[in-house]
mmCIF file of all heavy atoms, coordinates in Angstrom:
data_MODEL
# 
_entry.id   MODEL 
# 
loop_
_atom_site.group_PDB 
_atom_site.id 
_atom_site.type_symbol 
_atom_site.label_atom_id 
_atom_site.label_alt_id 
_atom_site.label_comp_id 
_atom_site.label_asym_id 
_atom_site.label_entity_id 
_atom_site.label_seq_id 
_atom_site.pdbx_PDB_ins_code 
_atom_site.Cartn_x 
_atom_site.Cartn_y 
_atom_site.Cartn_z 
_atom_site.occupancy 
_atom_site.B_iso_or_equiv 
_atom_site.pdbx_formal_charge 
_atom_site.auth_seq_id 
_atom_site.auth_comp_id 
_atom_site.auth_asym_id 
_atom_site.auth_atom_id 
_atom_site.pdbx_PDB_model_num 
ATOM 1   N N   . LYS A 1 1  ? 57.995 29.918 -240.895 1.00 0.00 ? 1  LYS A N   1 
ATOM 2   C CA  . LYS A 1 1  ? 58.807 30.778 -240.035 1.00 0.00 ? 1  LYS A CA  1 
ATOM 3   C C   . LYS A 1 1  ? 59.709 30.010 -239.075 1.00 0.00 ? 1  LYS A C   1 
ATOM 4   O O   . LYS A 1 1  ? 60.436 30.624 -238.294 1.00 0.00 ? 1  LYS A O   1 
ATOM 5   C CB  . LYS A 1 1  ? 57.904 31.716 -239.241 1.00 0.00 ? 1  LYS A CB  1 
ATOM 6   C CG  . LYS A 1 1  ? 57.068 32.666 -240.115 1.00 0.00 ? 1  LYS A CG  1 
ATOM 7   C CD  . LYS A 1 1  ? 57.953 33.499 -241.039 1.00 0.00 ? 1  LYS A CD  1 
ATOM 8   C CE  . LYS A 1 1  ? 57.137 34.459 -241.887 1.00 0.00 ? 1  LYS A CE  1 
ATOM 9   N NZ  . LYS A 1 1  ? 58.019 35.223 -242.841 1.00 0.00 ? 1  LYS A NZ  1 
ATOM 10  N N   . ARG A 1 2  ? 59.695 28.686 -239.162 1.00 0.00 ? 2  ARG A N   1 
ATOM 11  C CA  . ARG A 1 2  ? 60.526 27.882 -238.276 1.00 0.00 ? 2  ARG A CA  1 
ATOM 12  C C   . ARG A 1 2  ? 61.999 27.971 -238.671 1.00 0.00 ? 2  ARG A C   1 
ATOM 13  O O   . ARG A 1 2  ? 62.353 28.074 -239.842 1.00 0.00 ? 2  ARG A O   1 
ATOM 14  C CB  . ARG A 1 2  ? 60.065 26.435 -238.305 1.00 0.00 ? 2  ARG A CB  1 
ATOM 15  C CG  . ARG A 1 2  ? 58.685 26.201 -237.683 1.00 0.00 ? 2  ARG A CG  1 
ATOM 16  C CD  . ARG A 1 2  ? 58.754 26.106 -236.181 1.00 0.00 ? 2  ARG A CD  1 
ATOM 17  N NE  . ARG A 1 2  ? 59.531 24.949 -235.748 1.00 0.00 ? 2  ARG A NE  1 
ATOM 18  C CZ  . ARG A 1 2  ? 59.022 23.724 -235.568 1.00 0.00 ? 2  ARG A CZ  1 
ATOM 19  N NH1 . ARG A 1 2  ? 57.729 23.490 -235.779 1.00 0.00 ? 2  ARG A NH1 1 
ATOM 20  N NH2 . ARG A 1 2  ? 59.793 22.736 -235.145 1.00 0.00 ? 2  ARG A NH2 1 
ATOM 21  N N   . SER A 1 3  ? 62.875 27.916 -237.672 1.00 0.00 ? 3  SER A N   1 
ATOM 22  C CA  . SER A 1 3  ? 64.303 27.849 -237.922 1.00 0.00 ? 3  SER A CA  1 
ATOM 23  C C   . SER A 1 3  ? 64.704 26.400 -238.191 1.00 0.00 ? 3  SER A C   1 
ATOM 24  O O   . SER A 1 3  ? 64.179 25.478 -237.540 1.00 0.00 ? 3  SER A O   1 
ATOM 25  C CB  . SER A 1 3  ? 65.078 28.368 -236.719 1.00 0.00 ? 3  SER A CB  1 
ATOM 26  O OG  . SER A 1 3  ? 66.453 28.037 -236.803 1.00 0.00 ? 3  SER A OG  1 
ATOM 27  N N   . PRO A 1 4  ? 65.628 26.129 -239.147 1.00 0.00 ? 4  PRO A N   1 
ATOM 28  C CA  . PRO A 1 4  ? 66.071 24.757 -239.376 1.00 0.00 ? 4  PRO A CA  1 
ATOM 29  C C   . PRO A 1 4  ? 66.577 24.071 -238.117 1.00 0.00 ? 4  PRO A C   1 
ATOM 30  O O   . PRO A 1 4  ? 66.433 22.855 -237.975 1.00 0.00 ? 4  PRO A O   1 
ATOM 31  C CB  . PRO A 1 4  ? 67.186 24.919 -240.408 1.00 0.00 ? 4  PRO A CB  1 
ATOM 32  C CG  . PRO A 1 4  ? 66.838 26.167 -241.156 1.00 0.00 ? 4  PRO A CG  1 
ATOM 33  C CD  . PRO A 1 4  ? 66.229 27.069 -240.121 1.00 0.00 ? 4  PRO A CD  1 
ATOM 34  N N   . ALA A 1 5  ? 67.150 24.833 -237.177 1.00 0.00 ? 5  ALA A N   1 
ATOM 35  C CA  . ALA A 1 5  ? 67.694 24.252 -235.953 1.00 0.00 ? 5  ALA A CA  1 
ATOM 36  C C   . ALA A 1 5  ? 66.612 23.640 -235.069 1.00 0.00 ? 5  ALA A C   1 
ATOM 37  O O   . ALA A 1 5  ? 66.918 22.801 -234.212 1.00 0.00 ? 5  ALA A O   1 
ATOM 38  C CB  . ALA A 1 5  ? 68.476 25.304 -235.168 1.00 0.00 ? 5  ALA A CB  1 
ATOM 39  N N   . THR A 1 6  ? 65.364 24.053 -235.241 1.00 0.00 ? 6  THR A N   1 
ATOM 40  C CA  . THR A 1 6  ? 64.268 23.536 -234.420 1.00 0.00 ? 6  THR A CA  1 
ATOM 41  C C   . THR A 1 6  ? 63.608 22.300 -235.033 1.00 0.00 ? 6  THR A C   1 
ATOM 42  O O   . THR A 1 6  ? 62.683 21.746 -234.440 1.00 0.00 ? 6  THR A O   1 
ATOM 43  C CB  . THR A 1 6  ? 63.187 24.612 -234.210 1.00 0.00 ? 6  THR A CB  1 
ATOM 44  O OG1 . THR A 1 6  ? 62.529 24.895 -235.459 1.00 0.00 ? 6  THR A OG1 1 
ATOM 45  C CG2 . THR A 1 6  ? 63.814 25.888 -233.660 1.00 0.00 ? 6  THR A CG2 1 
ATOM 46  N N   . LEU A 1 7  ? 64.072 21.878 -236.198 1.00 0.00 ? 7  LEU A N   1 
ATOM 47  C CA  . LEU A 1 7  ? 63.452 20.764 -236.905 1.00 0.00 ? 7  LEU A CA  1 
ATOM 48  C C   . LEU A 1 7  ? 64.174 19.448 -236.618 1.00 0.00 ? 7  LEU A C   1 
ATOM 49  O O   . LEU A 1 7  ? 65.373 19.428 -236.360 1.00 0.00 ? 7  LEU A O   1 
ATOM 50  C CB  . LEU A 1 7  ? 63.473 21.015 -238.408 1.00 0.00 ? 7  LEU A CB  1 
ATOM 51  C CG  . LEU A 1 7  ? 62.853 22.323 -238.914 1.00 0.00 ? 7  LEU A CG  1 
ATOM 52  C CD1 . LEU A 1 7  ? 62.981 22.410 -240.435 1.00 0.00 ? 7  LEU A CD1 1 
ATOM 53  C CD2 . LEU A 1 7  ? 61.407 22.441 -238.484 1.00 0.00 ? 7  LEU A CD2 1 
ATOM 54  N N   . SER A 1 8  ? 63.434 18.367 -236.679 1.00 0.00 ? 8  SER A N   1 
ATOM 55  C CA  . SER A 1 8  ? 64.035 17.038 -236.591 1.00 0.00 ? 8  SER A CA  1 
ATOM 56  C C   . SER A 1 8  ? 64.799 16.737 -237.876 1.00 0.00 ? 8  SER A C   1 
ATOM 57  O O   . SER A 1 8  ? 64.671 17.439 -238.887 1.00 0.00 ? 8  SER A O   1 
ATOM 58  C CB  . SER A 1 8  ? 62.960 15.981 -236.375 1.00 0.00 ? 8  SER A CB  1 
ATOM 59  O OG  . SER A 1 8  ? 62.131 15.859 -237.533 1.00 0.00 ? 8  SER A OG  1 
ATOM 60  N N   . GLY A 1 9  ? 65.589 15.646 -237.858 1.00 0.00 ? 9  GLY A N   1 
ATOM 61  C CA  . GLY A 1 9  ? 66.330 15.269 -239.050 1.00 0.00 ? 9  GLY A CA  1 
ATOM 62  C C   . GLY A 1 9  ? 65.426 14.994 -240.240 1.00 0.00 ? 9  GLY A C   1 
ATOM 63  O O   . GLY A 1 9  ? 65.713 15.409 -241.370 1.00 0.00 ? 9  GLY A O   1 
ATOM 64  N N   . GLY A 1 10 ? 64.323 14.304 -239.994 1.00 0.00 ? 10 GLY A N   1 
ATOM 65  C CA  . GLY A 1 10 ? 63.389 14.025 -241.068 1.00 0.00 ? 10 GLY A CA  1 
ATOM 66  C C   . GLY A 1 10 ? 62.743 15.282 -241.628 1.00 0.00 ? 10 GLY A C   1 
ATOM 67  O O   . GLY A 1 10 ? 62.550 15.417 -242.837 1.00 0.00 ? 10 GLY A O   1 
ATOM 68  N N   . GLN A 1 11 ? 62.403 16.226 -240.748 1.00 0.00 ? 11 GLN A N   1 
ATOM 69  C CA  . GLN A 1 11 ? 61.823 17.480 -241.195 1.00 0.00 ? 11 GLN A CA  1 
ATOM 70  C C   . GLN A 1 11 ? 62.829 18.293 -242.004 1.00 0.00 ? 11 GLN A C   1 
ATOM 71  O O   . GLN A 1 11 ? 62.475 18.917 -243.011 1.00 0.00 ? 11 GLN A O   1 
ATOM 72  C CB  . GLN A 1 11 ? 61.323 18.273 -239.989 1.00 0.00 ? 11 GLN A CB  1 
ATOM 73  C CG  . GLN A 1 11 ? 60.105 17.660 -239.320 1.00 0.00 ? 11 GLN A CG  1 
ATOM 74  C CD  . GLN A 1 11 ? 59.776 18.316 -237.993 1.00 0.00 ? 11 GLN A CD  1 
ATOM 75  O OE1 . GLN A 1 11 ? 60.647 18.906 -237.333 1.00 0.00 ? 11 GLN A OE1 1 
ATOM 76  N NE2 . GLN A 1 11 ? 58.526 18.205 -237.570 1.00 0.00 ? 11 GLN A NE2 1 
ATOM 77  N N   . GLN A 1 12 ? 64.083 18.300 -241.585 1.00 0.00 ? 12 GLN A N   1 
ATOM 78  C CA  . GLN A 1 12 ? 65.107 19.016 -242.336 1.00 0.00 ? 12 GLN A CA  1 
ATOM 79  C C   . GLN A 1 12 ? 65.258 18.448 -243.742 1.00 0.00 ? 12 GLN A C   1 
ATOM 80  O O   . GLN A 1 12 ? 65.404 19.204 -244.708 1.00 0.00 ? 12 GLN A O   1 
ATOM 81  C CB  . GLN A 1 12 ? 66.442 18.959 -241.597 1.00 0.00 ? 12 GLN A CB  1 
ATOM 82  C CG  . GLN A 1 12 ? 66.480 19.782 -240.314 1.00 0.00 ? 12 GLN A CG  1 
ATOM 83  C CD  . GLN A 1 12 ? 67.814 19.709 -239.620 1.00 0.00 ? 12 GLN A CD  1 
ATOM 84  O OE1 . GLN A 1 12 ? 68.804 19.235 -240.170 1.00 0.00 ? 12 GLN A OE1 1 
ATOM 85  N NE2 . GLN A 1 12 ? 67.876 20.163 -238.377 1.00 0.00 ? 12 GLN A NE2 1 
ATOM 86  N N   . GLN A 1 13 ? 65.210 17.129 -243.882 1.00 0.00 ? 13 GLN A N   1 
ATOM 87  C CA  . GLN A 1 13 ? 65.318 16.530 -245.205 1.00 0.00 ? 13 GLN A CA  1 
ATOM 88  C C   . GLN A 1 13 ? 64.104 16.857 -246.062 1.00 0.00 ? 13 GLN A C   1 
ATOM 89  O O   . GLN A 1 13 ? 64.212 17.022 -247.280 1.00 0.00 ? 13 GLN A O   1 
ATOM 90  C CB  . GLN A 1 13 ? 65.505 15.020 -245.097 1.00 0.00 ? 13 GLN A CB  1 
ATOM 91  C CG  . GLN A 1 13 ? 66.884 14.593 -244.589 1.00 0.00 ? 13 GLN A CG  1 
ATOM 92  C CD  . GLN A 1 13 ? 68.011 15.093 -245.466 1.00 0.00 ? 13 GLN A CD  1 
ATOM 93  O OE1 . GLN A 1 13 ? 68.443 16.247 -245.365 1.00 0.00 ? 13 GLN A OE1 1 
ATOM 94  N NE2 . GLN A 1 13 ? 68.501 14.238 -246.338 1.00 0.00 ? 13 GLN A NE2 1 
ATOM 95  N N   . ARG A 1 14 ? 62.937 16.971 -245.463 1.00 0.00 ? 14 ARG A N   1 
ATOM 96  C CA  . ARG A 1 14 ? 61.746 17.381 -246.202 1.00 0.00 ? 14 ARG A CA  1 
ATOM 97  C C   . ARG A 1 14 ? 61.897 18.806 -246.728 1.00 0.00 ? 14 ARG A C   1 
ATOM 98  O O   . ARG A 1 14 ? 61.526 19.106 -247.867 1.00 0.00 ? 14 ARG A O   1 
ATOM 99  C CB  . ARG A 1 14 ? 60.510 17.267 -245.314 1.00 0.00 ? 14 ARG A CB  1 
ATOM 100 C CG  . ARG A 1 14 ? 60.100 15.833 -244.992 1.00 0.00 ? 14 ARG A CG  1 
ATOM 101 C CD  . ARG A 1 14 ? 58.969 15.830 -243.981 1.00 0.00 ? 14 ARG A CD  1 
ATOM 102 N NE  . ARG A 1 14 ? 58.587 14.499 -243.579 1.00 0.00 ? 14 ARG A NE  1 
ATOM 103 C CZ  . ARG A 1 14 ? 57.636 13.760 -244.157 1.00 0.00 ? 14 ARG A CZ  1 
ATOM 104 N NH1 . ARG A 1 14 ? 56.980 14.249 -245.193 1.00 0.00 ? 14 ARG A NH1 1 
ATOM 105 N NH2 . ARG A 1 14 ? 57.353 12.543 -243.715 1.00 0.00 ? 14 ARG A NH2 1 
ATOM 106 N N   . VAL A 1 15 ? 62.448 19.682 -245.894 1.00 0.00 ? 15 VAL A N   1 
ATOM 107 C CA  . VAL A 1 15 ? 62.666 21.058 -246.327 1.00 0.00 ? 15 VAL A CA  1 
ATOM 108 C C   . VAL A 1 15 ? 63.700 21.096 -247.453 1.00 0.00 ? 15 VAL A C   1 
ATOM 109 O O   . VAL A 1 15 ? 63.529 21.819 -248.443 1.00 0.00 ? 15 VAL A O   1 
ATOM 110 C CB  . VAL A 1 15 ? 63.111 21.943 -245.148 1.00 0.00 ? 15 VAL A CB  1 
ATOM 111 C CG1 . VAL A 1 15 ? 63.497 23.344 -245.637 1.00 0.00 ? 15 VAL A CG1 1 
ATOM 112 C CG2 . VAL A 1 15 ? 62.010 22.043 -244.109 1.00 0.00 ? 15 VAL A CG2 1 
ATOM 113 N N   . ALA A 1 16 ? 64.783 20.325 -247.312 1.00 0.00 ? 16 ALA A N   1 
ATOM 114 C CA  . ALA A 1 16 ? 65.807 20.275 -248.357 1.00 0.00 ? 16 ALA A CA  1 
ATOM 115 C C   . ALA A 1 16 ? 65.222 19.780 -249.668 1.00 0.00 ? 16 ALA A C   1 
ATOM 116 O O   . ALA A 1 16 ? 65.562 20.277 -250.750 1.00 0.00 ? 16 ALA A O   1 
ATOM 117 C CB  . ALA A 1 16 ? 66.963 19.380 -247.911 1.00 0.00 ? 16 ALA A CB  1 
ATOM 118 N N   . LEU A 1 17 ? 64.329 18.799 -249.603 1.00 0.00 ? 17 LEU A N   1 
ATOM 119 C CA  . LEU A 1 17 ? 63.685 18.306 -250.810 1.00 0.00 ? 17 LEU A CA  1 
ATOM 120 C C   . LEU A 1 17 ? 62.796 19.372 -251.430 1.00 0.00 ? 17 LEU A C   1 
ATOM 121 O O   . LEU A 1 17 ? 62.806 19.573 -252.653 1.00 0.00 ? 17 LEU A O   1 
ATOM 122 C CB  . LEU A 1 17 ? 62.873 17.048 -250.489 1.00 0.00 ? 17 LEU A CB  1 
ATOM 123 C CG  . LEU A 1 17 ? 62.098 16.422 -251.639 1.00 0.00 ? 17 LEU A CG  1 
ATOM 124 C CD1 . LEU A 1 17 ? 63.048 15.994 -252.755 1.00 0.00 ? 17 LEU A CD1 1 
ATOM 125 C CD2 . LEU A 1 17 ? 61.282 15.219 -251.142 1.00 0.00 ? 17 LEU A CD2 1 
ATOM 126 N N   . ALA A 1 18 ? 62.034 20.066 -250.592 1.00 0.00 ? 18 ALA A N   1 
ATOM 127 C CA  . ALA A 1 18 ? 61.199 21.153 -251.099 1.00 0.00 ? 18 ALA A CA  1 
ATOM 128 C C   . ALA A 1 18 ? 62.051 22.220 -251.773 1.00 0.00 ? 18 ALA A C   1 
ATOM 129 O O   . ALA A 1 18 ? 61.677 22.760 -252.821 1.00 0.00 ? 18 ALA A O   1 
ATOM 130 C CB  . ALA A 1 18 ? 60.378 21.755 -249.957 1.00 0.00 ? 18 ALA A CB  1 
ATOM 131 N N   . ARG A 1 19 ? 63.192 22.554 -251.185 1.00 0.00 ? 19 ARG A N   1 
ATOM 132 C CA  . ARG A 1 19 ? 64.086 23.542 -251.769 1.00 0.00 ? 19 ARG A CA  1 
ATOM 133 C C   . ARG A 1 19 ? 64.606 23.088 -253.127 1.00 0.00 ? 19 ARG A C   1 
ATOM 134 O O   . ARG A 1 19 ? 64.673 23.859 -254.084 1.00 0.00 ? 19 ARG A O   1 
ATOM 135 C CB  . ARG A 1 19 ? 65.247 23.835 -250.831 1.00 0.00 ? 19 ARG A CB  1 
ATOM 136 C CG  . ARG A 1 19 ? 66.165 24.962 -251.294 1.00 0.00 ? 19 ARG A CG  1 
ATOM 137 C CD  . ARG A 1 19 ? 67.264 25.245 -250.286 1.00 0.00 ? 19 ARG A CD  1 
ATOM 138 N NE  . ARG A 1 19 ? 68.174 24.111 -250.152 1.00 0.00 ? 19 ARG A NE  1 
ATOM 139 C CZ  . ARG A 1 19 ? 69.205 24.115 -249.330 1.00 0.00 ? 19 ARG A CZ  1 
ATOM 140 N NH1 . ARG A 1 19 ? 69.456 25.152 -248.544 1.00 0.00 ? 19 ARG A NH1 1 
ATOM 141 N NH2 . ARG A 1 19 ? 69.994 23.051 -249.273 1.00 0.00 ? 19 ARG A NH2 1 
ATOM 142 N N   . ALA A 1 20 ? 64.995 21.827 -253.223 1.00 0.00 ? 20 ALA A N   1 
ATOM 143 C CA  . ALA A 1 20 ? 65.502 21.308 -254.487 1.00 0.00 ? 20 ALA A CA  1 
ATOM 144 C C   . ALA A 1 20 ? 64.435 21.302 -255.570 1.00 0.00 ? 20 ALA A C   1 
ATOM 145 O O   . ALA A 1 20 ? 64.732 21.491 -256.747 1.00 0.00 ? 20 ALA A O   1 
ATOM 146 C CB  . ALA A 1 20 ? 66.055 19.902 -254.281 1.00 0.00 ? 20 ALA A CB  1 
ATOM 147 N N   . LEU A 1 21 ? 63.173 21.081 -255.185 1.00 0.00 ? 21 LEU A N   1 
ATOM 148 C CA  . LEU A 1 21 ? 62.085 21.007 -256.145 1.00 0.00 ? 21 LEU A CA  1 
ATOM 149 C C   . LEU A 1 21 ? 61.527 22.376 -256.520 1.00 0.00 ? 21 LEU A C   1 
ATOM 150 O O   . LEU A 1 21 ? 60.823 22.496 -257.536 1.00 0.00 ? 21 LEU A O   1 
ATOM 151 C CB  . LEU A 1 21 ? 60.945 20.146 -255.592 1.00 0.00 ? 21 LEU A CB  1 
ATOM 152 C CG  . LEU A 1 21 ? 61.221 18.649 -255.448 1.00 0.00 ? 21 LEU A CG  1 
ATOM 153 C CD1 . LEU A 1 21 ? 60.105 17.985 -254.655 1.00 0.00 ? 21 LEU A CD1 1 
ATOM 154 C CD2 . LEU A 1 21 ? 61.356 17.989 -256.817 1.00 0.00 ? 21 LEU A CD2 1 
ATOM 155 N N   . ALA A 1 22 ? 61.819 23.385 -255.735 1.00 0.00 ? 22 ALA A N   1 
ATOM 156 C CA  . ALA A 1 22 ? 61.165 24.683 -255.886 1.00 0.00 ? 22 ALA A CA  1 
ATOM 157 C C   . ALA A 1 22 ? 61.302 25.248 -257.287 1.00 0.00 ? 22 ALA A C   1 
ATOM 158 O O   . ALA A 1 22 ? 60.355 25.817 -257.838 1.00 0.00 ? 22 ALA A O   1 
ATOM 159 C CB  . ALA A 1 22 ? 61.703 25.672 -254.853 1.00 0.00 ? 22 ALA A CB  1 
ATOM 160 N N   . VAL A 1 23 ? 62.472 25.115 -257.888 1.00 0.00 ? 23 VAL A N   1 
ATOM 161 C CA  . VAL A 1 23 ? 62.726 25.702 -259.195 1.00 0.00 ? 23 VAL A CA  1 
ATOM 162 C C   . VAL A 1 23 ? 62.457 24.736 -260.344 1.00 0.00 ? 23 VAL A C   1 
ATOM 163 O O   . VAL A 1 23 ? 62.813 24.999 -261.483 1.00 0.00 ? 23 VAL A O   1 
ATOM 164 C CB  . VAL A 1 23 ? 64.165 26.219 -259.274 1.00 0.00 ? 23 VAL A CB  1 
ATOM 165 C CG1 . VAL A 1 23 ? 64.374 27.400 -258.358 1.00 0.00 ? 23 VAL A CG1 1 
ATOM 166 C CG2 . VAL A 1 23 ? 65.153 25.094 -258.923 1.00 0.00 ? 23 VAL A CG2 1 
ATOM 167 N N   . ARG A 1 24 ? 61.836 23.607 -260.045 1.00 0.00 ? 24 ARG A N   1 
ATOM 168 C CA  . ARG A 1 24 ? 61.451 22.612 -261.044 1.00 0.00 ? 24 ARG A CA  1 
ATOM 169 C C   . ARG A 1 24 ? 62.634 22.193 -261.913 1.00 0.00 ? 24 ARG A C   1 
ATOM 170 O O   . ARG A 1 24 ? 62.632 22.397 -263.136 1.00 0.00 ? 24 ARG A O   1 
ATOM 171 C CB  . ARG A 1 24 ? 60.299 23.121 -261.899 1.00 0.00 ? 24 ARG A CB  1 
ATOM 172 C CG  . ARG A 1 24 ? 59.011 23.350 -261.130 1.00 0.00 ? 24 ARG A CG  1 
ATOM 173 C CD  . ARG A 1 24 ? 57.869 23.738 -262.036 1.00 0.00 ? 24 ARG A CD  1 
ATOM 174 N NE  . ARG A 1 24 ? 56.606 23.797 -261.330 1.00 0.00 ? 24 ARG A NE  1 
ATOM 175 C CZ  . ARG A 1 24 ? 56.135 24.858 -260.714 1.00 0.00 ? 24 ARG A CZ  1 
ATOM 176 N NH1 . ARG A 1 24 ? 56.846 25.994 -260.686 1.00 0.00 ? 24 ARG A NH1 1 
ATOM 177 N NH2 . ARG A 1 24 ? 54.981 24.833 -260.086 1.00 0.00 ? 24 ARG A NH2 1 
ATOM 178 N N   . PRO A 1 25 ? 63.661 21.576 -261.330 1.00 0.00 ? 25 PRO A N   1 
ATOM 179 C CA  . PRO A 1 25 ? 64.811 21.132 -262.122 1.00 0.00 ? 25 PRO A CA  1 
ATOM 180 C C   . PRO A 1 25 ? 64.393 20.058 -263.108 1.00 0.00 ? 25 PRO A C   1 
ATOM 181 O O   . PRO A 1 25 ? 63.494 19.261 -262.836 1.00 0.00 ? 25 PRO A O   1 
ATOM 182 C CB  . PRO A 1 25 ? 65.762 20.574 -261.071 1.00 0.00 ? 25 PRO A CB  1 
ATOM 183 C CG  . PRO A 1 25 ? 64.866 20.125 -259.962 1.00 0.00 ? 25 PRO A CG  1 
ATOM 184 C CD  . PRO A 1 25 ? 63.751 21.123 -259.918 1.00 0.00 ? 25 PRO A CD  1 
ATOM 185 N N   . ARG A 1 26 ? 65.066 20.026 -264.255 1.00 0.00 ? 26 ARG A N   1 
ATOM 186 C CA  . ARG A 1 26 ? 64.701 19.007 -265.225 1.00 0.00 ? 26 ARG A CA  1 
ATOM 187 C C   . ARG A 1 26 ? 65.215 17.631 -264.802 1.00 0.00 ? 26 ARG A C   1 
ATOM 188 O O   . ARG A 1 26 ? 64.712 16.609 -265.290 1.00 0.00 ? 26 ARG A O   1 
ATOM 189 C CB  . ARG A 1 26 ? 65.185 19.376 -266.625 1.00 0.00 ? 26 ARG A CB  1 
ATOM 190 C CG  . ARG A 1 26 ? 66.677 19.565 -266.789 1.00 0.00 ? 26 ARG A CG  1 
ATOM 191 C CD  . ARG A 1 26 ? 67.000 19.843 -268.252 1.00 0.00 ? 26 ARG A CD  1 
ATOM 192 N NE  . ARG A 1 26 ? 68.431 20.013 -268.475 1.00 0.00 ? 26 ARG A NE  1 
ATOM 193 C CZ  . ARG A 1 26 ? 68.975 20.053 -269.685 1.00 0.00 ? 26 ARG A CZ  1 
ATOM 194 N NH1 . ARG A 1 26 ? 68.228 19.886 -270.758 1.00 0.00 ? 26 ARG A NH1 1 
ATOM 195 N NH2 . ARG A 1 26 ? 70.282 20.230 -269.812 1.00 0.00 ? 26 ARG A NH2 1 
# 
């Protein structure tokens, strides 16, 4: 439930990575 604006740079990149992996790209 956290807003991206409340995250550190490292946390934002972790979320971006999770988003990219979510759909299991080949």
